[in-house]
Amino acid sequence: MANTLPEKDTVTRALKLGMLSIAQDETSHAAYLYEAMMRRMSANEVQVLIDEWRKRKVNAMWVFAGNLLQRQEEQPLLVQDSVASETEANTEFAAA
């Protein structure tokens, strides 16, 4: 995903660099987990566990995509406008 972002704008460039940093960090976590699993289980058991996880991940992605395609109403945004978020937070705080 990060590689598809343009580097012309400073905001998208910063987002891209942040996403790449997170991906690198997650890769090191996965490598550590793999090593720990190999110390405690046989190679065959580790492979079965990895295959099961991949199968569940793909199935979850298909369900998500199917649900997304079946909905006709407006989809919620994955990010919020910071001004709108502050206004909502102030309104909720004032009501409390």
C-alpha atoms as a PDB file:
ATOM      1  CA  MET A   1       0.000   0.000   0.000  1.00  0.00           C
ATOM      2  CA  ALA A   2       2.751   2.420   0.907  1.00  0.00           C
ATOM      3  CA  ASN A   3       4.447   2.002  -2.451  1.00  0.00           C
ATOM      4  CA  THR A   4       1.341   3.231  -4.268  1.00  0.00           C
ATOM      5  CA  LEU A   5       1.385   6.616  -2.516  1.00  0.00           C
ATOM      6  CA  PRO A   6       2.874   9.503  -4.491  1.00  0.00           C
ATOM      7  CA  GLU A   7       5.947  11.237  -3.118  1.00  0.00           C
ATOM      8  CA  LYS A   8       5.154  14.684  -4.540  1.00  0.00           C
ATOM      9  CA  ASP A   9       3.236  15.935  -1.512  1.00  0.00           C
ATOM     10  CA  THR A  10       5.002  16.155   1.864  1.00  0.00           C
ATOM     11  CA  VAL A  11       1.978  14.740   3.696  1.00  0.00           C
ATOM     12  CA  THR A  12       1.719  11.621   1.532  1.00  0.00           C
ATOM     13  CA  ARG A  13       5.501  11.207   1.583  1.00  0.00           C
ATOM     14  CA  ALA A  14       5.474  11.275   5.389  1.00  0.00           C
ATOM     15  CA  LEU A  15       2.571   8.805   5.429  1.00  0.00           C
ATOM     16  CA  LYS A  16       4.445   6.528   3.035  1.00  0.00           C
ATOM     17  CA  LEU A  17       7.604   6.595   5.167  1.00  0.00           C
ATOM     18  CA  GLY A  18       5.557   5.913   8.295  1.00  0.00           C
ATOM     19  CA  MET A  19       3.805   2.960   6.702  1.00  0.00           C
ATOM     20  CA  LEU A  20       7.112   1.512   5.480  1.00  0.00           C
ATOM     21  CA  SER A  21       8.568   1.873   8.978  1.00  0.00           C
ATOM     22  CA  ILE A  22       5.586   0.041  10.483  1.00  0.00           C
ATOM     23  CA  ALA A  23       5.871  -2.724   7.878  1.00  0.00           C
ATOM     24  CA  GLN A  24       9.559  -3.174   8.656  1.00  0.00           C
ATOM     25  CA  ASP A  25       8.788  -3.355  12.383  1.00  0.00           C
ATOM     26  CA  GLU A  26       6.047  -5.932  11.824  1.00  0.00           C
ATOM     27  CA  THR A  27       8.432  -7.986   9.677  1.00  0.00           C
ATOM     28  CA  SER A  28      10.912  -8.148  12.542  1.00  0.00           C
ATOM     29  CA  HIS A  29       8.100  -9.182  14.935  1.00  0.00           C
ATOM     30  CA  ALA A  30       7.063 -11.969  12.562  1.00  0.00           C
ATOM     31  CA  ALA A  31      10.663 -13.186  12.258  1.00  0.00           C
ATOM     32  CA  TYR A  32      10.995 -13.287  16.051  1.00  0.00           C
ATOM     33  CA  LEU A  33       7.735 -15.205  16.405  1.00  0.00           C
ATOM     34  CA  TYR A  34       8.797 -17.669  13.694  1.00  0.00           C
ATOM     35  CA  GLU A  35      12.107 -18.316  15.475  1.00  0.00           C
ATOM     36  CA  ALA A  36      10.329 -18.819  18.803  1.00  0.00           C
ATOM     37  CA  MET A  37       7.868 -21.248  17.223  1.00  0.00           C
ATOM     38  CA  MET A  38      10.716 -23.202  15.607  1.00  0.00           C
ATOM     39  CA  ARG A  39      12.402 -23.565  19.015  1.00  0.00           C
ATOM     40  CA  ARG A  40       9.246 -24.984  20.634  1.00  0.00           C
ATOM     41  CA  MET A  41       7.653 -26.990  17.808  1.00  0.00           C
ATOM     42  CA  SER A  42       8.711 -29.183  14.942  1.00  0.00           C
ATOM     43  CA  ALA A  43       9.074 -27.654  11.490  1.00  0.00           C
ATOM     44  CA  ASN A  44       5.971 -29.556  10.346  1.00  0.00           C
ATOM     45  CA  GLU A  45       3.864 -28.213  13.246  1.00  0.00           C
ATOM     46  CA  VAL A  46       5.043 -24.676  12.521  1.00  0.00           C
ATOM     47  CA  GLN A  47       4.133 -25.020   8.844  1.00  0.00           C
ATOM     48  CA  VAL A  48       0.662 -26.363   9.701  1.00  0.00           C
ATOM     49  CA  LEU A  49       0.096 -23.440  12.064  1.00  0.00           C
ATOM     50  CA  ILE A  50       1.273 -20.894   9.469  1.00  0.00           C
ATOM     51  CA  ASP A  51      -0.927 -22.466   6.779  1.00  0.00           C
ATOM     52  CA  GLU A  52      -3.958 -22.328   9.095  1.00  0.00           C
ATOM     53  CA  TRP A  53      -3.294 -18.667   9.905  1.00  0.00           C
ATOM     54  CA  ARG A  54      -2.945 -17.783   6.216  1.00  0.00           C
ATOM     55  CA  LYS A  55      -6.173 -19.629   5.403  1.00  0.00           C
ATOM     56  CA  ARG A  56      -8.056 -17.760   8.131  1.00  0.00           C
ATOM     57  CA  LYS A  57      -6.610 -14.430   6.986  1.00  0.00           C
ATOM     58  CA  VAL A  58      -7.654 -14.988   3.369  1.00  0.00           C
ATOM     59  CA  ASN A  59     -11.137 -16.112   4.426  1.00  0.00           C
ATOM     60  CA  ALA A  60     -11.540 -13.004   6.578  1.00  0.00           C
ATOM     61  CA  MET A  61     -10.467 -10.788   3.676  1.00  0.00           C
ATOM     62  CA  TRP A  62     -13.020 -12.460   1.373  1.00  0.00           C
ATOM     63  CA  VAL A  63     -15.792 -11.961   3.942  1.00  0.00           C
ATOM     64  CA  PHE A  64     -14.821  -8.308   4.362  1.00  0.00           C
ATOM     65  CA  ALA A  65     -14.760  -7.736   0.603  1.00  0.00           C
ATOM     66  CA  GLY A  66     -18.084  -9.512   0.153  1.00  0.00           C
ATOM     67  CA  ASN A  67     -19.736  -7.458   2.872  1.00  0.00           C
ATOM     68  CA  LEU A  68     -18.319  -4.285   1.393  1.00  0.00           C
ATOM     69  CA  LEU A  69     -19.678  -5.094  -2.063  1.00  0.00           C
ATOM     70  CA  GLN A  70     -23.130  -6.070  -0.779  1.00  0.00           C
ATOM     71  CA  ARG A  71     -23.725  -2.837   1.140  1.00  0.00           C
ATOM     72  CA  GLN A  72     -25.540  -0.113  -0.723  1.00  0.00           C
ATOM     73  CA  GLU A  73     -25.603   2.532   2.006  1.00  0.00           C
ATOM     74  CA  GLU A  74     -22.884   5.088   2.632  1.00  0.00           C
ATOM     75  CA  GLN A  75     -19.665   3.564   3.934  1.00  0.00           C
ATOM     76  CA  PRO A  76     -18.064   4.939   7.110  1.00  0.00           C
ATOM     77  CA  LEU A  77     -14.758   6.706   6.652  1.00  0.00           C
ATOM     78  CA  LEU A  78     -11.645   4.988   7.952  1.00  0.00           C
ATOM     79  CA  VAL A  79     -10.186   8.356   8.940  1.00  0.00           C
ATOM     80  CA  GLN A  80     -11.827  11.382  10.486  1.00  0.00           C
ATOM     81  CA  ASP A  81     -11.385  15.051   9.773  1.00  0.00           C
ATOM     82  CA  SER A  82      -9.448  16.500  12.717  1.00  0.00           C
ATOM     83  CA  VAL A  83     -11.667  19.606  12.910  1.00  0.00           C
ATOM     84  CA  ALA A  84     -14.841  17.524  12.943  1.00  0.00           C
ATOM     85  CA  SER A  85     -13.358  15.207  15.583  1.00  0.00           C
ATOM     86  CA  GLU A  86     -12.488  18.130  17.849  1.00  0.00           C
ATOM     87  CA  THR A  87     -15.982  19.591  17.468  1.00  0.00           C
ATOM     88  CA  GLU A  88     -17.594  16.250  18.345  1.00  0.00           C
ATOM     89  CA  ALA A  89     -15.274  15.783  21.322  1.00  0.00           C
ATOM     90  CA  ASN A  90     -16.021  19.295  22.621  1.00  0.00           C
ATOM     91  CA  THR A  91     -19.776  18.732  22.212  1.00  0.00           C
ATOM     92  CA  GLU A  92     -19.609  15.414  24.078  1.00  0.00           C
ATOM     93  CA  PHE A  93     -17.459  16.947  26.839  1.00  0.00           C
ATOM     94  CA  ALA A  94     -19.859  19.880  27.260  1.00  0.00           C
ATOM     95  CA  ALA A  95     -22.846  17.512  27.471  1.00  0.00           C
ATOM     96  CA  ALA A  96     -21.205  15.431  30.221  1.00  0.00           C
END
